[in-house]
Amino acid sequence: MAAKKPERREYPRIKDSDISIELSGEGVNTISQSLDVSASGIYCKVDRRIPVMTRVKLSLNIPVKTGASSKKLEIDGVVVREHPVMKDGRAEHYDVAIFFDSLLPKERKILTDYIENRS
């Protein structure tokens, strides 16, 4: 049995589909849901191709405990990976990884707390 590779990420990542996302910028204007999230980026599915290195603005709605409204974060990011998900020979949607390149410490804390409470 092969040894498991050590995690290289600085921040833990969790699978999560509860964060709603609005993406905009450089010809992009779409709504999505998270697939997984960390305090350094988010992976989501979108309805169109967004080329690698595209700068985007993200509006994340972070769920909070029952009875309270979600926390909204406005974050700048860069698409670092995109992958078409094919069905019947055509792209059904695209999975994209977005790196948060200007996260403030208080925003990172909100994400870190959310991830720790979901783990």
N, C-alpha and C. Protein backbone atom coordinates (compact mmCIF):
# COMPACT_ATOMS: atom_id res chain seq x y z
N MET A 1 0.84 -1.18 0.00
CA MET A 1 0.00 0.00 0.00
C MET A 1 0.89 1.25 0.00
N ALA A 2 0.60 2.19 -0.87
CA ALA A 2 1.39 3.41 -0.98
C ALA A 2 1.11 4.33 0.20
N ALA A 3 2.15 5.02 0.63
CA ALA A 3 2.00 5.97 1.73
C ALA A 3 1.21 7.19 1.25
N LYS A 4 0.38 7.71 2.12
CA LYS A 4 -0.41 8.90 1.78
C LYS A 4 0.52 10.11 1.73
N LYS A 5 0.36 10.92 0.69
CA LYS A 5 1.18 12.12 0.55
C LYS A 5 0.79 13.12 1.63
N PRO A 6 1.77 13.81 2.20
CA PRO A 6 1.44 14.82 3.21
C PRO A 6 0.72 16.00 2.57
N GLU A 7 -0.19 16.59 3.29
CA GLU A 7 -0.94 17.75 2.82
C GLU A 7 0.01 18.93 2.68
N ARG A 8 0.02 19.58 1.53
CA ARG A 8 0.91 20.71 1.29
C ARG A 8 0.21 22.04 1.50
N ARG A 9 -1.09 22.02 1.65
CA ARG A 9 -1.82 23.27 1.79
C ARG A 9 -1.58 23.90 3.17
N GLU A 10 -1.51 25.22 3.16
CA GLU A 10 -1.31 25.95 4.42
C GLU A 10 -2.58 25.91 5.27
N TYR A 11 -3.73 25.94 4.62
CA TYR A 11 -5.01 25.94 5.33
C TYR A 11 -5.79 24.69 4.98
N PRO A 12 -6.44 24.07 5.97
CA PRO A 12 -7.23 22.87 5.67
C PRO A 12 -8.38 23.18 4.72
N ARG A 13 -8.74 22.16 3.94
CA ARG A 13 -9.82 22.30 2.97
C ARG A 13 -10.89 21.29 3.35
N ILE A 14 -12.15 21.70 3.19
CA ILE A 14 -13.26 20.78 3.45
C ILE A 14 -14.19 20.75 2.24
N LYS A 15 -14.81 19.61 2.03
CA LYS A 15 -15.87 19.53 1.03
C LYS A 15 -17.06 20.27 1.61
N ASP A 16 -17.67 21.15 0.83
CA ASP A 16 -18.77 21.96 1.34
C ASP A 16 -19.55 22.52 0.16
N SER A 17 -20.86 22.35 0.19
CA SER A 17 -21.69 22.89 -0.90
C SER A 17 -22.68 23.92 -0.38
N ASP A 18 -22.42 24.47 0.80
CA ASP A 18 -23.37 25.39 1.42
C ASP A 18 -23.07 26.88 1.23
N ILE A 19 -21.97 27.20 0.58
CA ILE A 19 -21.62 28.61 0.38
C ILE A 19 -22.09 29.04 -1.00
N SER A 20 -22.99 30.03 -1.04
CA SER A 20 -23.40 30.56 -2.33
C SER A 20 -22.40 31.63 -2.76
N ILE A 21 -22.17 31.68 -4.06
CA ILE A 21 -21.11 32.53 -4.61
C ILE A 21 -21.65 33.33 -5.79
N GLU A 22 -21.34 34.62 -5.81
CA GLU A 22 -21.57 35.44 -7.00
C GLU A 22 -20.19 35.82 -7.52
N LEU A 23 -19.94 35.51 -8.79
CA LEU A 23 -18.66 35.82 -9.44
C LEU A 23 -18.86 36.91 -10.47
N SER A 24 -17.93 37.86 -10.51
CA SER A 24 -18.01 38.90 -11.53
C SER A 24 -16.60 39.36 -11.89
N GLY A 25 -16.50 39.99 -13.07
CA GLY A 25 -15.23 40.55 -13.52
C GLY A 25 -14.77 39.93 -14.82
N GLU A 26 -14.05 40.72 -15.65
CA GLU A 26 -13.45 40.28 -16.91
C GLU A 26 -14.39 39.39 -17.72
N GLY A 27 -15.60 39.87 -17.98
CA GLY A 27 -16.56 39.14 -18.79
C GLY A 27 -17.28 38.03 -18.05
N VAL A 28 -17.14 37.98 -16.74
CA VAL A 28 -17.76 36.94 -15.91
C VAL A 28 -18.85 37.57 -15.06
N ASN A 29 -20.01 36.95 -15.06
CA ASN A 29 -21.09 37.36 -14.16
C ASN A 29 -21.98 36.14 -13.98
N THR A 30 -21.76 35.40 -12.90
CA THR A 30 -22.49 34.15 -12.71
C THR A 30 -22.66 33.85 -11.23
N ILE A 31 -23.55 32.94 -10.94
CA ILE A 31 -23.83 32.50 -9.57
C ILE A 31 -23.43 31.03 -9.47
N SER A 32 -22.90 30.64 -8.33
CA SER A 32 -22.43 29.28 -8.15
C SER A 32 -22.61 28.84 -6.70
N GLN A 33 -22.27 27.58 -6.44
CA GLN A 33 -22.21 27.01 -5.10
C GLN A 33 -20.82 26.43 -4.93
N SER A 34 -20.34 26.42 -3.70
CA SER A 34 -19.03 25.85 -3.42
C SER A 34 -19.05 24.33 -3.58
N LEU A 35 -17.90 23.78 -3.92
CA LEU A 35 -17.67 22.33 -3.89
C LEU A 35 -16.75 22.00 -2.71
N ASP A 36 -15.74 22.83 -2.53
CA ASP A 36 -14.92 22.77 -1.32
C ASP A 36 -14.32 24.15 -1.07
N VAL A 37 -13.85 24.34 0.17
CA VAL A 37 -13.39 25.67 0.57
C VAL A 37 -12.24 25.54 1.58
N SER A 38 -11.35 26.51 1.54
CA SER A 38 -10.31 26.67 2.56
C SER A 38 -10.20 28.16 2.83
N ALA A 39 -9.32 28.52 3.74
CA ALA A 39 -9.11 29.94 4.03
C ALA A 39 -8.21 30.61 3.01
N SER A 40 -7.83 29.87 1.95
CA SER A 40 -7.02 30.49 0.90
C SER A 40 -7.68 30.42 -0.47
N GLY A 41 -8.82 29.72 -0.58
CA GLY A 41 -9.47 29.64 -1.87
C GLY A 41 -10.72 28.80 -1.84
N ILE A 42 -11.38 28.75 -2.99
CA ILE A 42 -12.63 28.01 -3.10
C ILE A 42 -12.68 27.28 -4.44
N TYR A 43 -13.34 26.15 -4.45
CA TYR A 43 -13.52 25.35 -5.65
C TYR A 43 -15.02 25.30 -5.90
N CYS A 44 -15.44 25.63 -7.11
CA CYS A 44 -16.87 25.71 -7.39
C CYS A 44 -17.16 25.30 -8.83
N LYS A 45 -18.43 25.09 -9.12
CA LYS A 45 -18.80 24.77 -10.50
C LYS A 45 -19.54 25.95 -11.08
N VAL A 46 -19.23 26.25 -12.35
CA VAL A 46 -19.84 27.38 -13.04
C VAL A 46 -20.36 26.93 -14.39
N ASP A 47 -21.20 27.75 -14.99
CA ASP A 47 -21.86 27.38 -16.25
C ASP A 47 -21.08 27.76 -17.50
N ARG A 48 -19.93 28.38 -17.35
CA ARG A 48 -19.13 28.78 -18.51
C ARG A 48 -17.65 28.69 -18.18
N ARG A 49 -16.85 28.61 -19.21
CA ARG A 49 -15.40 28.55 -19.03
C ARG A 49 -14.88 29.90 -18.54
N ILE A 50 -14.04 29.84 -17.52
CA ILE A 50 -13.35 31.04 -17.04
C ILE A 50 -11.85 30.70 -17.11
N PRO A 51 -11.13 31.34 -18.03
CA PRO A 51 -9.71 30.99 -18.23
C PRO A 51 -8.87 31.18 -16.97
N VAL A 52 -7.84 30.34 -16.85
CA VAL A 52 -6.87 30.46 -15.78
C VAL A 52 -6.26 31.86 -15.81
N MET A 53 -6.02 32.40 -14.66
CA MET A 53 -5.44 33.73 -14.41
C MET A 53 -6.46 34.87 -14.59
N THR A 54 -7.73 34.54 -14.77
CA THR A 54 -8.76 35.57 -14.81
C THR A 54 -8.98 36.10 -13.40
N ARG A 55 -8.97 37.42 -13.27
CA ARG A 55 -9.24 38.06 -11.97
C ARG A 55 -10.76 38.15 -11.80
N VAL A 56 -11.24 37.79 -10.63
CA VAL A 56 -12.66 37.82 -10.35
C VAL A 56 -12.92 38.45 -8.99
N LYS A 57 -14.13 38.96 -8.85
CA LYS A 57 -14.63 39.42 -7.56
C LYS A 57 -15.64 38.38 -7.11
N LEU A 58 -15.52 37.97 -5.86
CA LEU A 58 -16.42 36.98 -5.30
C LEU A 58 -17.23 37.61 -4.17
N SER A 59 -18.48 37.30 -4.16
CA SER A 59 -19.34 37.65 -3.04
C SER A 59 -19.78 36.31 -2.45
N LEU A 60 -19.24 35.99 -1.27
CA LEU A 60 -19.53 34.72 -0.63
C LEU A 60 -20.55 34.92 0.48
N ASN A 61 -21.56 34.08 0.53
CA ASN A 61 -22.52 34.07 1.63
C ASN A 61 -22.20 32.88 2.50
N ILE A 62 -21.57 33.15 3.64
CA ILE A 62 -21.12 32.11 4.55
C ILE A 62 -22.24 31.80 5.54
N PRO A 63 -22.74 30.57 5.55
CA PRO A 63 -23.81 30.23 6.50
C PRO A 63 -23.32 30.37 7.94
N VAL A 64 -24.22 30.77 8.80
CA VAL A 64 -23.93 30.84 10.23
C VAL A 64 -24.94 29.97 10.96
N LYS A 65 -24.81 29.93 12.26
CA LYS A 65 -25.70 29.07 13.04
C LYS A 65 -27.16 29.37 12.76
N THR A 66 -27.98 28.36 12.96
CA THR A 66 -29.42 28.45 12.72
C THR A 66 -30.01 29.69 13.40
N GLY A 67 -30.88 30.37 12.67
CA GLY A 67 -31.56 31.53 13.21
C GLY A 67 -30.88 32.85 12.90
N ALA A 68 -29.64 32.80 12.45
CA ALA A 68 -28.92 34.04 12.11
C ALA A 68 -28.78 34.13 10.60
N SER A 69 -28.60 35.34 10.11
CA SER A 69 -28.39 35.49 8.67
C SER A 69 -26.95 35.12 8.32
N SER A 70 -26.69 34.90 7.04
CA SER A 70 -25.35 34.53 6.61
C SER A 70 -24.42 35.75 6.67
N LYS A 71 -23.12 35.46 6.69
CA LYS A 71 -22.12 36.53 6.63
C LYS A 71 -21.69 36.66 5.18
N LYS A 72 -21.66 37.89 4.69
CA LYS A 72 -21.29 38.15 3.31
C LYS A 72 -19.85 38.67 3.26
N LEU A 73 -19.03 38.01 2.46
CA LEU A 73 -17.65 38.45 2.26
C LEU A 73 -17.46 38.86 0.81
N GLU A 74 -16.84 39.99 0.59
CA GLU A 74 -16.48 40.47 -0.74
C GLU A 74 -14.97 40.29 -0.89
N ILE A 75 -14.57 39.40 -1.80
CA ILE A 75 -13.17 38.99 -1.90
C ILE A 75 -12.71 39.06 -3.35
N ASP A 76 -11.47 39.47 -3.56
CA ASP A 76 -10.84 39.40 -4.88
C ASP A 76 -10.12 38.07 -5.00
N GLY A 77 -10.15 37.52 -6.21
CA GLY A 77 -9.49 36.24 -6.42
C GLY A 77 -8.99 36.08 -7.84
N VAL A 78 -8.27 34.99 -8.06
CA VAL A 78 -7.72 34.66 -9.36
C VAL A 78 -8.02 33.18 -9.64
N VAL A 79 -8.53 32.89 -10.83
CA VAL A 79 -8.78 31.51 -11.23
C VAL A 79 -7.42 30.85 -11.45
N VAL A 80 -7.17 29.77 -10.72
CA VAL A 80 -5.89 29.08 -10.83
C VAL A 80 -6.02 27.71 -11.50
N ARG A 81 -7.25 27.23 -11.64
CA ARG A 81 -7.47 25.96 -12.33
C ARG A 81 -8.90 25.93 -12.83
N GLU A 82 -9.08 25.39 -14.04
CA GLU A 82 -10.43 25.19 -14.56
C GLU A 82 -10.46 23.87 -15.30
N HIS A 83 -11.59 23.20 -15.16
CA HIS A 83 -11.71 21.86 -15.72
C HIS A 83 -13.12 21.65 -16.25
N PRO A 84 -13.25 21.38 -17.56
CA PRO A 84 -14.60 21.11 -18.07
C PRO A 84 -15.08 19.73 -17.61
N VAL A 85 -16.33 19.65 -17.20
CA VAL A 85 -16.95 18.38 -16.85
C VAL A 85 -17.80 17.98 -18.05
N MET A 86 -17.38 16.90 -18.71
CA MET A 86 -17.98 16.50 -19.97
C MET A 86 -19.12 15.51 -19.78
N LYS A 87 -20.14 15.65 -20.62
CA LYS A 87 -21.25 14.70 -20.67
C LYS A 87 -21.71 14.63 -22.11
N ASP A 88 -21.79 13.44 -22.65
CA ASP A 88 -22.20 13.24 -24.03
C ASP A 88 -21.38 14.08 -25.02
N GLY A 89 -20.07 14.18 -24.76
CA GLY A 89 -19.18 14.85 -25.68
C GLY A 89 -19.16 16.38 -25.60
N ARG A 90 -19.86 16.95 -24.63
CA ARG A 90 -19.83 18.42 -24.50
C ARG A 90 -19.67 18.81 -23.04
N ALA A 91 -19.19 20.02 -22.83
CA ALA A 91 -18.99 20.51 -21.46
C ALA A 91 -20.35 20.79 -20.81
N GLU A 92 -20.64 20.05 -19.76
CA GLU A 92 -21.88 20.25 -19.01
C GLU A 92 -21.75 21.45 -18.08
N HIS A 93 -20.60 21.58 -17.44
CA HIS A 93 -20.25 22.74 -16.63
C HIS A 93 -18.74 22.73 -16.42
N TYR A 94 -18.23 23.71 -15.72
CA TYR A 94 -16.80 23.82 -15.47
C TYR A 94 -16.56 23.90 -13.97
N ASP A 95 -15.58 23.13 -13.49
CA ASP A 95 -15.13 23.24 -12.11
C ASP A 95 -13.94 24.18 -12.11
N VAL A 96 -13.99 25.20 -11.25
CA VAL A 96 -12.89 26.17 -11.19
C VAL A 96 -12.39 26.32 -9.76
N ALA A 97 -11.08 26.48 -9.66
CA ALA A 97 -10.43 26.76 -8.37
C ALA A 97 -10.03 28.22 -8.38
N ILE A 98 -10.41 28.92 -7.32
CA ILE A 98 -10.12 30.35 -7.22
C ILE A 98 -9.30 30.61 -5.96
N PHE A 99 -8.15 31.24 -6.14
CA PHE A 99 -7.27 31.61 -5.04
C PHE A 99 -7.67 33.00 -4.55
N PHE A 100 -7.84 33.15 -3.23
CA PHE A 100 -8.14 34.46 -2.64
C PHE A 100 -6.82 35.21 -2.54
N ASP A 101 -6.64 36.26 -3.34
CA ASP A 101 -5.33 36.93 -3.34
C ASP A 101 -5.27 38.20 -2.51
N SER A 102 -6.37 38.59 -1.88
CA SER A 102 -6.31 39.81 -1.06
C SER A 102 -7.22 39.69 0.16
N LEU A 103 -7.17 38.53 0.82
CA LEU A 103 -8.02 38.28 1.97
C LEU A 103 -7.52 39.04 3.19
N LEU A 104 -8.40 39.79 3.83
CA LEU A 104 -8.06 40.49 5.06
C LEU A 104 -8.05 39.50 6.22
N PRO A 105 -7.27 39.78 7.28
CA PRO A 105 -7.22 38.87 8.42
C PRO A 105 -8.60 38.56 9.02
N LYS A 106 -9.48 39.55 9.10
CA LYS A 106 -10.81 39.29 9.68
C LYS A 106 -11.64 38.39 8.76
N GLU A 107 -11.45 38.50 7.44
CA GLU A 107 -12.16 37.62 6.50
C GLU A 107 -11.62 36.19 6.59
N ARG A 108 -10.29 36.07 6.71
CA ARG A 108 -9.69 34.74 6.85
C ARG A 108 -10.19 34.08 8.14
N LYS A 109 -10.34 34.86 9.19
CA LYS A 109 -10.84 34.34 10.48
C LYS A 109 -12.27 33.82 10.33
N ILE A 110 -13.12 34.55 9.61
CA ILE A 110 -14.50 34.09 9.38
C ILE A 110 -14.48 32.74 8.66
N LEU A 111 -13.66 32.63 7.62
CA LEU A 111 -13.56 31.37 6.87
C LEU A 111 -12.97 30.26 7.72
N THR A 112 -11.91 30.55 8.47
CA THR A 112 -11.28 29.55 9.33
C THR A 112 -12.27 29.04 10.37
N ASP A 113 -12.99 29.95 11.00
CA ASP A 113 -13.99 29.55 12.01
C ASP A 113 -15.07 28.68 11.38
N TYR A 114 -15.54 29.07 10.21
CA TYR A 114 -16.57 28.30 9.51
C TYR A 114 -16.08 26.89 9.22
N ILE A 115 -14.87 26.78 8.70
CA ILE A 115 -14.30 25.47 8.35
C ILE A 115 -14.10 24.61 9.59
N GLU A 116 -13.59 25.20 10.66
CA GLU A 116 -13.39 24.44 11.91
C GLU A 116 -14.72 23.93 12.47
N ASN A 117 -15.78 24.73 12.36
CA ASN A 117 -17.08 24.31 12.87
C ASN A 117 -17.75 23.26 12.00
N ARG A 118 -17.32 23.17 10.73
CA ARG A 118 -17.91 22.19 9.79
C ARG A 118 -17.14 20.88 9.76
N SER A 119 -15.89 20.91 10.22
CA SER A 119 -15.03 19.71 10.14
C SER A 119 -15.49 18.63 11.10
